[in-house]
Amino acid sequence: MTMVKSRKVGNSRVLTIPKELDDGKVAEYEVFRSEDGAYLFLPAFSNPFKDGTADVLDLRMTDEFAGVRLLDSEIE
């Protein structure tokens, strides 16, 4: 287990990610606090529906079962 200490910077508390845990890929994190006081830091990913990248994506479902005959019990 790796321990980190918070330090005060201005009016905020800062946690430094140790070098052995940093993959260098994530710069922003979403922070959640549980009822028992534990903090969870999750990588922040962009939302394709908010940043416009979904405009070029084809999100339609394909019919993988085209031409397959359904039985009576599968229709309901």
PDB file of N, CA and C in Angstrom:
ATOM      1  N   MET A   1       0.848  -1.174   0.000  1.00  0.00           N
ATOM      2  CA  MET A   1       0.000   0.000   0.000  1.00  0.00           C
ATOM      3  C   MET A   1       0.894   1.239   0.000  1.00  0.00           C
ATOM      4  N   THR A   2       0.518   2.195  -0.791  1.00  0.00           N
ATOM      5  CA  THR A   2       1.261   3.446  -0.879  1.00  0.00           C
ATOM      6  C   THR A   2       0.548   4.523  -0.058  1.00  0.00           C
ATOM      7  N   MET A   3       1.299   5.225   0.757  1.00  0.00           N
ATOM      8  CA  MET A   3       0.738   6.302   1.566  1.00  0.00           C
ATOM      9  C   MET A   3       1.123   7.647   0.958  1.00  0.00           C
ATOM     10  N   VAL A   4       0.179   8.577   0.967  1.00  0.00           N
ATOM     11  CA  VAL A   4       0.457   9.943   0.533  1.00  0.00           C
ATOM     12  C   VAL A   4      -0.032  10.881   1.626  1.00  0.00           C
ATOM     13  N   LYS A   5       0.572  12.044   1.689  1.00  0.00           N
ATOM     14  CA  LYS A   5       0.159  13.059   2.655  1.00  0.00           C
ATOM     15  C   LYS A   5      -0.360  14.264   1.898  1.00  0.00           C
ATOM     16  N   SER A   6      -1.389  14.866   2.444  1.00  0.00           N
ATOM     17  CA  SER A   6      -1.905  16.081   1.826  1.00  0.00           C
ATOM     18  C   SER A   6      -1.070  17.262   2.297  1.00  0.00           C
ATOM     19  N   ARG A   7      -1.040  18.292   1.460  1.00  0.00           N
ATOM     20  CA  ARG A   7      -0.350  19.527   1.830  1.00  0.00           C
ATOM     21  C   ARG A   7      -1.238  20.696   1.441  1.00  0.00           C
ATOM     22  N   LYS A   8      -1.045  21.789   2.119  1.00  0.00           N
ATOM     23  CA  LYS A   8      -1.870  22.965   1.874  1.00  0.00           C
ATOM     24  C   LYS A   8      -1.237  23.828   0.793  1.00  0.00           C
ATOM     25  N   VAL A   9      -2.049  24.158  -0.221  1.00  0.00           N
ATOM     26  CA  VAL A   9      -1.639  25.068  -1.285  1.00  0.00           C
ATOM     27  C   VAL A   9      -2.753  26.093  -1.425  1.00  0.00           C
ATOM     28  N   GLY A  10      -2.476  27.313  -0.985  1.00  0.00           N
ATOM     29  CA  GLY A  10      -3.514  28.347  -0.978  1.00  0.00           C
ATOM     30  C   GLY A  10      -4.605  27.949  -0.004  1.00  0.00           C
ATOM     31  N   ASN A  11      -5.851  27.892  -0.485  1.00  0.00           N
ATOM     32  CA  ASN A  11      -6.982  27.489   0.351  1.00  0.00           C
ATOM     33  C   ASN A  11      -7.363  26.030   0.148  1.00  0.00           C
ATOM     34  N   SER A  12      -6.549  25.279  -0.588  1.00  0.00           N
ATOM     35  CA  SER A  12      -6.871  23.893  -0.923  1.00  0.00           C
ATOM     36  C   SER A  12      -5.891  22.916  -0.277  1.00  0.00           C
ATOM     37  N   ARG A  13      -6.304  21.649  -0.222  1.00  0.00           N
ATOM     38  CA  ARG A  13      -5.428  20.558   0.184  1.00  0.00           C
ATOM     39  C   ARG A  13      -5.070  19.781  -1.081  1.00  0.00           C
ATOM     40  N   VAL A  14      -3.805  19.397  -1.240  1.00  0.00           N
ATOM     41  CA  VAL A  14      -3.317  18.751  -2.457  1.00  0.00           C
ATOM     42  C   VAL A  14      -2.759  17.375  -2.115  1.00  0.00           C
ATOM     43  N   LEU A  15      -3.120  16.380  -2.916  1.00  0.00           N
ATOM     44  CA  LEU A  15      -2.533  15.045  -2.833  1.00  0.00           C
ATOM     45  C   LEU A  15      -1.667  14.854  -4.072  1.00  0.00           C
ATOM     46  N   THR A  16      -0.450  14.409  -3.878  1.00  0.00           N
ATOM     47  CA  THR A  16       0.458  14.157  -4.995  1.00  0.00           C
ATOM     48  C   THR A  16       0.408  12.678  -5.345  1.00  0.00           C
ATOM     49  N   ILE A  17       0.308  12.373  -6.634  1.00  0.00           N
ATOM     50  CA  ILE A  17       0.319  10.982  -7.082  1.00  0.00           C
ATOM     51  C   ILE A  17       1.767  10.520  -7.143  1.00  0.00           C
ATOM     52  N   PRO A  18       2.120   9.474  -6.401  1.00  0.00           N
ATOM     53  CA  PRO A  18       3.499   8.986  -6.436  1.00  0.00           C
ATOM     54  C   PRO A  18       3.888   8.496  -7.831  1.00  0.00           C
ATOM     55  N   LYS A  19       5.151   8.619  -8.168  1.00  0.00           N
ATOM     56  CA  LYS A  19       5.647   8.268  -9.491  1.00  0.00           C
ATOM     57  C   LYS A  19       5.311   6.825  -9.865  1.00  0.00           C
ATOM     58  N   GLU A  20       5.394   5.906  -8.907  1.00  0.00           N
ATOM     59  CA  GLU A  20       5.138   4.493  -9.226  1.00  0.00           C
ATOM     60  C   GLU A  20       3.662   4.209  -9.512  1.00  0.00           C
ATOM     61  N   LEU A  21       2.763   5.118  -9.165  1.00  0.00           N
ATOM     62  CA  LEU A  21       1.335   4.945  -9.451  1.00  0.00           C
ATOM     63  C   LEU A  21       0.860   5.769 -10.640  1.00  0.00           C
ATOM     64  N   ASP A  22       1.659   6.702 -11.092  1.00  0.00           N
ATOM     65  CA  ASP A  22       1.254   7.604 -12.172  1.00  0.00           C
ATOM     66  C   ASP A  22       1.567   6.983 -13.529  1.00  0.00           C
ATOM     67  N   ASP A  23       0.527   6.794 -14.348  1.00  0.00           N
ATOM     68  CA  ASP A  23       0.746   6.268 -15.698  1.00  0.00           C
ATOM     69  C   ASP A  23       0.931   7.382 -16.718  1.00  0.00           C
ATOM     70  N   GLY A  24       0.736   8.633 -16.305  1.00  0.00           N
ATOM     71  CA  GLY A  24       0.950   9.774 -17.187  1.00  0.00           C
ATOM     72  C   GLY A  24      -0.152  10.001 -18.204  1.00  0.00           C
ATOM     73  N   LYS A  25      -1.198   9.193 -18.184  1.00  0.00           N
ATOM     74  CA  LYS A  25      -2.261   9.298 -19.187  1.00  0.00           C
ATOM     75  C   LYS A  25      -3.422  10.172 -18.738  1.00  0.00           C
ATOM     76  N   VAL A  26      -3.648  10.259 -17.435  1.00  0.00           N
ATOM     77  CA  VAL A  26      -4.823  10.963 -16.914  1.00  0.00           C
ATOM     78  C   VAL A  26      -4.390  12.236 -16.200  1.00  0.00           C
ATOM     79  N   ALA A  27      -5.040  13.349 -16.563  1.00  0.00           N
ATOM     80  CA  ALA A  27      -4.718  14.629 -15.932  1.00  0.00           C
ATOM     81  C   ALA A  27      -5.854  15.128 -15.041  1.00  0.00           C
ATOM     82  N   GLU A  28      -7.070  14.630 -15.274  1.00  0.00           N
ATOM     83  CA  GLU A  28      -8.217  15.079 -14.504  1.00  0.00           C
ATOM     84  C   GLU A  28      -8.931  13.883 -13.888  1.00  0.00           C
ATOM     85  N   TYR A  29      -9.416  14.094 -12.675  1.00  0.00           N
ATOM     86  CA  TYR A  29     -10.117  13.041 -11.948  1.00  0.00           C
ATOM     87  C   TYR A  29     -11.432  13.570 -11.412  1.00  0.00           C
ATOM     88  N   GLU A  30     -12.425  12.689 -11.355  1.00  0.00           N
ATOM     89  CA  GLU A  30     -13.668  12.999 -10.662  1.00  0.00           C
ATOM     90  C   GLU A  30     -13.513  12.468  -9.245  1.00  0.00           C
ATOM     91  N   VAL A  31     -13.926  13.252  -8.259  1.00  0.00           N
ATOM     92  CA  VAL A  31     -13.740  12.876  -6.863  1.00  0.00           C
ATOM     93  C   VAL A  31     -15.103  12.621  -6.223  1.00  0.00           C
ATOM     94  N   PHE A  32     -15.190  11.489  -5.550  1.00  0.00           N
ATOM     95  CA  PHE A  32     -16.405  11.116  -4.842  1.00  0.00           C
ATOM     96  C   PHE A  32     -16.046  10.844  -3.386  1.00  0.00           C
ATOM     97  N   ARG A  33     -16.956  11.182  -2.487  1.00  0.00           N
ATOM     98  CA  ARG A  33     -16.756  10.901  -1.067  1.00  0.00           C
ATOM     99  C   ARG A  33     -17.890  10.010  -0.594  1.00  0.00           C
ATOM    100  N   SER A  34     -17.529   8.877  -0.007  1.00  0.00           N
ATOM    101  CA  SER A  34     -18.539   7.927   0.453  1.00  0.00           C
ATOM    102  C   SER A  34     -19.056   8.330   1.830  1.00  0.00           C
ATOM    103  N   GLU A  35     -20.089   7.636   2.265  1.00  0.00           N
ATOM    104  CA  GLU A  35     -20.700   7.948   3.558  1.00  0.00           C
ATOM    105  C   GLU A  35     -19.733   7.721   4.712  1.00  0.00           C
ATOM    106  N   ASP A  36     -18.788   6.784   4.545  1.00  0.00           N
ATOM    107  CA  ASP A  36     -17.838   6.509   5.627  1.00  0.00           C
ATOM    108  C   ASP A  36     -16.614   7.429   5.574  1.00  0.00           C
ATOM    109  N   GLY A  37     -16.616   8.404   4.664  1.00  0.00           N
ATOM    110  CA  GLY A  37     -15.538   9.388   4.596  1.00  0.00           C
ATOM    111  C   GLY A  37     -14.413   9.054   3.650  1.00  0.00           C
ATOM    112  N   ALA A  38     -14.488   7.911   2.956  1.00  0.00           N
ATOM    113  CA  ALA A  38     -13.441   7.524   2.007  1.00  0.00           C
ATOM    114  C   ALA A  38     -13.582   8.335   0.720  1.00  0.00           C
ATOM    115  N   TYR A  39     -12.447   8.687   0.139  1.00  0.00           N
ATOM    116  CA  TYR A  39     -12.439   9.420  -1.131  1.00  0.00           C
ATOM    117  C   TYR A  39     -12.091   8.462  -2.256  1.00  0.00           C
ATOM    118  N   LEU A  40     -12.751   8.639  -3.393  1.00  0.00           N
ATOM    119  CA  LEU A  40     -12.499   7.824  -4.569  1.00  0.00           C
ATOM    120  C   LEU A  40     -12.186   8.758  -5.722  1.00  0.00           C
ATOM    121  N   PHE A  41     -11.033   8.571  -6.350  1.00  0.00           N
ATOM    122  CA  PHE A  41     -10.613   9.380  -7.487  1.00  0.00           C
ATOM    123  C   PHE A  41     -10.712   8.524  -8.742  1.00  0.00           C
ATOM    124  N   LEU A  42     -11.580   8.895  -9.664  1.00  0.00           N
ATOM    125  CA  LEU A  42     -11.761   8.163 -10.913  1.00  0.00           C
ATOM    126  C   LEU A  42     -11.326   9.041 -12.081  1.00  0.00           C
ATOM    127  N   PRO A  43     -10.652   8.438 -13.074  1.00  0.00           N
ATOM    128  CA  PRO A  43     -10.251   9.232 -14.244  1.00  0.00           C
ATOM    129  C   PRO A  43     -11.470   9.875 -14.901  1.00  0.00           C
ATOM    130  N   ALA A  44     -11.344  11.131 -15.246  1.00  0.00           N
ATOM    131  CA  ALA A  44     -12.434  11.856 -15.907  1.00  0.00           C
ATOM    132  C   ALA A  44     -12.317  11.635 -17.406  1.00  0.00           C
ATOM    133  N   PHE A  45     -13.338  11.062 -17.996  1.00  0.00           N
ATOM    134  CA  PHE A  45     -13.380  10.832 -19.431  1.00  0.00           C
ATOM    135  C   PHE A  45     -14.357  11.805 -20.058  1.00  0.00           C
ATOM    136  N   SER A  46     -14.082  12.182 -21.292  1.00  0.00           N
ATOM    137  CA  SER A  46     -14.981  13.118 -21.962  1.00  0.00           C
ATOM    138  C   SER A  46     -16.272  12.408 -22.341  1.00  0.00           C
ATOM    139  N   ASN A  47     -17.359  13.135 -22.311  1.00  0.00           N
ATOM    140  CA  ASN A  47     -18.659  12.626 -22.683  1.00  0.00           C
ATOM    141  C   ASN A  47     -18.852  12.890 -24.174  1.00  0.00           C
ATOM    142  N   PRO A  48     -18.934  11.832 -25.009  1.00  0.00           N
ATOM    143  CA  PRO A  48     -19.046  12.049 -26.454  1.00  0.00           C
ATOM    144  C   PRO A  48     -20.316  12.769 -26.863  1.00  0.00           C
ATOM    145  N   PHE A  49     -21.335  12.776 -26.013  1.00  0.00           N
ATOM    146  CA  PHE A  49     -22.577  13.455 -26.337  1.00  0.00           C
ATOM    147  C   PHE A  49     -22.523  14.939 -25.987  1.00  0.00           C
ATOM    148  N   LYS A  50     -21.541  15.323 -25.173  1.00  0.00           N
ATOM    149  CA  LYS A  50     -21.401  16.735 -24.817  1.00  0.00           C
ATOM    150  C   LYS A  50     -20.300  17.429 -25.605  1.00  0.00           C
ATOM    151  N   ASP A  51     -19.259  16.695 -25.998  1.00  0.00           N
ATOM    152  CA  ASP A  51     -18.147  17.353 -26.691  1.00  0.00           C
ATOM    153  C   ASP A  51     -18.248  17.277 -28.218  1.00  0.00           C
ATOM    154  N   GLY A  52     -19.336  16.680 -28.740  1.00  0.00           N
ATOM    155  CA  GLY A  52     -19.563  16.689 -30.179  1.00  0.00           C
ATOM    156  C   GLY A  52     -18.998  15.513 -30.942  1.00  0.00           C
ATOM    157  N   THR A  53     -18.228  14.636 -30.313  1.00  0.00           N
ATOM    158  CA  THR A  53     -17.664  13.509 -31.050  1.00  0.00           C
ATOM    159  C   THR A  53     -18.722  12.485 -31.429  1.00  0.00           C
ATOM    160  N   ALA A  54     -19.848  12.458 -30.729  1.00  0.00           N
ATOM    161  CA  ALA A  54     -20.915  11.518 -31.059  1.00  0.00           C
ATOM    162  C   ALA A  54     -21.599  11.896 -32.365  1.00  0.00           C
ATOM    163  N   ASP A  55     -21.400  13.135 -32.817  1.00  0.00           N
ATOM    164  CA  ASP A  55     -22.022  13.567 -34.070  1.00  0.00           C
ATOM    165  C   ASP A  55     -21.495  12.769 -35.256  1.00  0.00           C
ATOM    166  N   VAL A  56     -20.292  12.253 -35.172  1.00  0.00           N
ATOM    167  CA  VAL A  56     -19.709  11.511 -36.287  1.00  0.00           C
ATOM    168  C   VAL A  56     -19.779  10.001 -36.073  1.00  0.00           C
ATOM    169  N   LEU A  57     -20.307   9.559 -34.939  1.00  0.00           N
ATOM    170  CA  LEU A  57     -20.429   8.137 -34.656  1.00  0.00           C
ATOM    171  C   LEU A  57     -21.755   7.604 -35.162  1.00  0.00           C
ATOM    172  N   ASP A  58     -21.730   6.397 -35.712  1.00  0.00           N
ATOM    173  CA  ASP A  58     -22.957   5.734 -36.126  1.00  0.00           C
ATOM    174  C   ASP A  58     -23.347   4.782 -35.004  1.00  0.00           C
ATOM    175  N   LEU A  59     -24.317   5.172 -34.194  1.00  0.00           N
ATOM    176  CA  LEU A  59     -24.705   4.403 -33.021  1.00  0.00           C
ATOM    177  C   LEU A  59     -25.923   3.518 -33.267  1.00  0.00           C
ATOM    178  N   ARG A  60     -26.295   3.357 -34.536  1.00  0.00           N
ATOM    179  CA  ARG A  60     -27.446   2.517 -34.840  1.00  0.00           C
ATOM    180  C   ARG A  60     -27.126   1.052 -34.590  1.00  0.00           C
ATOM    181  N   MET A  61     -28.138   0.318 -34.111  1.00  0.00           N
ATOM    182  CA  MET A  61     -27.964  -1.112 -33.890  1.00  0.00           C
ATOM    183  C   MET A  61     -28.040  -1.839 -35.227  1.00  0.00           C
ATOM    184  N   THR A  62     -27.260  -2.884 -35.346  1.00  0.00           N
ATOM    185  CA  THR A  62     -27.333  -3.715 -36.546  1.00  0.00           C
ATOM    186  C   THR A  62     -28.180  -4.934 -36.237  1.00  0.00           C
ATOM    187  N   ASP A  63     -28.869  -5.418 -37.241  1.00  0.00           N
ATOM    188  CA  ASP A  63     -29.733  -6.582 -37.056  1.00  0.00           C
ATOM    189  C   ASP A  63     -28.929  -7.840 -37.353  1.00  0.00           C
ATOM    190  N   GLU A  64     -28.373  -8.446 -36.292  1.00  0.00           N
ATOM    191  CA  GLU A  64     -27.562  -9.647 -36.462  1.00  0.00           C
ATOM    192  C   GLU A  64     -28.408 -10.880 -36.730  1.00  0.00           C
ATOM    193  N   PHE A  65     -29.716 -10.783 -36.506  1.00  0.00           N
ATOM    194  CA  PHE A  65     -30.586 -11.934 -36.673  1.00  0.00           C
ATOM    195  C   PHE A  65     -31.516 -11.773 -37.876  1.00  0.00           C
ATOM    196  N   ALA A  66     -31.104 -11.009 -38.852  1.00  0.00           N
ATOM    197  CA  ALA A  66     -31.930 -10.814 -40.045  1.00  0.00           C
ATOM    198  C   ALA A  66     -32.112 -12.162 -40.742  1.00  0.00           C
ATOM    199  N   GLY A  67     -33.337 -12.482 -41.063  1.00  0.00           N
ATOM    200  CA  GLY A  67     -33.635 -13.717 -41.764  1.00  0.00           C
ATOM    201  C   GLY A  67     -33.811 -14.926 -40.859  1.00  0.00           C
ATOM    202  N   VAL A  68     -33.634 -14.768 -39.554  1.00  0.00           N
ATOM    203  CA  VAL A  68     -33.813 -15.883 -38.624  1.00  0.00           C
ATOM    204  C   VAL A  68     -35.285 -15.955 -38.261  1.00  0.00           C
ATOM    205  N   ARG A  69     -35.844 -17.157 -38.364  1.00  0.00           N
ATOM    206  CA  ARG A  69     -37.260 -17.352 -38.058  1.00  0.00           C
ATOM    207  C   ARG A  69     -37.420 -17.589 -36.560  1.00  0.00           C
ATOM    208  N   LEU A  70     -38.265 -16.792 -35.901  1.00  0.00           N
ATOM    209  CA  LEU A  70     -38.508 -16.924 -34.476  1.00  0.00           C
ATOM    210  C   LEU A  70     -39.565 -17.958 -34.191  1.00  0.00           C
ATOM    211  N   LEU A  71     -39.413 -18.680 -33.073  1.00  0.00           N
ATOM    212  CA  LEU A  71     -40.403 -19.617 -32.618  1.00  0.00           C
ATOM    213  C   LEU A  71     -41.485 -18.875 -31.852  1.00  0.00           C
ATOM    214  N   ASP A  72     -42.599 -19.524 -31.628  1.00  0.00           N
ATOM    215  CA  ASP A  72     -43.724 -18.874 -30.929  1.00  0.00           C
ATOM    216  C   ASP A  72     -43.308 -18.363 -29.554  1.00  0.00           C
ATOM    217  N   SER A  73     -42.505 -19.113 -28.803  1.00  0.00           N
ATOM    218  CA  SER A  73     -42.154 -18.715 -27.441  1.00  0.00           C
ATOM    219  C   SER A  73     -41.135 -17.573 -27.418  1.00  0.00           C
ATOM    220  N   GLU A  74     -40.490 -17.304 -28.523  1.00  0.00           N
ATOM    221  CA  GLU A  74     -39.484 -16.244 -28.571  1.00  0.00           C
ATOM    222  C   GLU A  74     -40.069 -14.888 -28.942  1.00  0.00           C
ATOM    223  N   ILE A  75     -41.303 -14.873 -29.383  1.00  0.00           N
ATOM    224  CA  ILE A  75     -41.918 -13.628 -29.850  1.00  0.00           C
ATOM    225  C   ILE A  75     -42.317 -12.759 -28.676  1.00  0.00           C
ATOM    226  N   GLU A  76     -42.785 -13.334 -27.589  1.00  0.00           N
ATOM    227  CA  GLU A  76     -43.279 -12.559 -26.459  1.00  0.00           C
ATOM    228  C   GLU A  76     -42.188 -11.947 -25.696  1.00  0.00           C
TER     229      GLU A  76
END
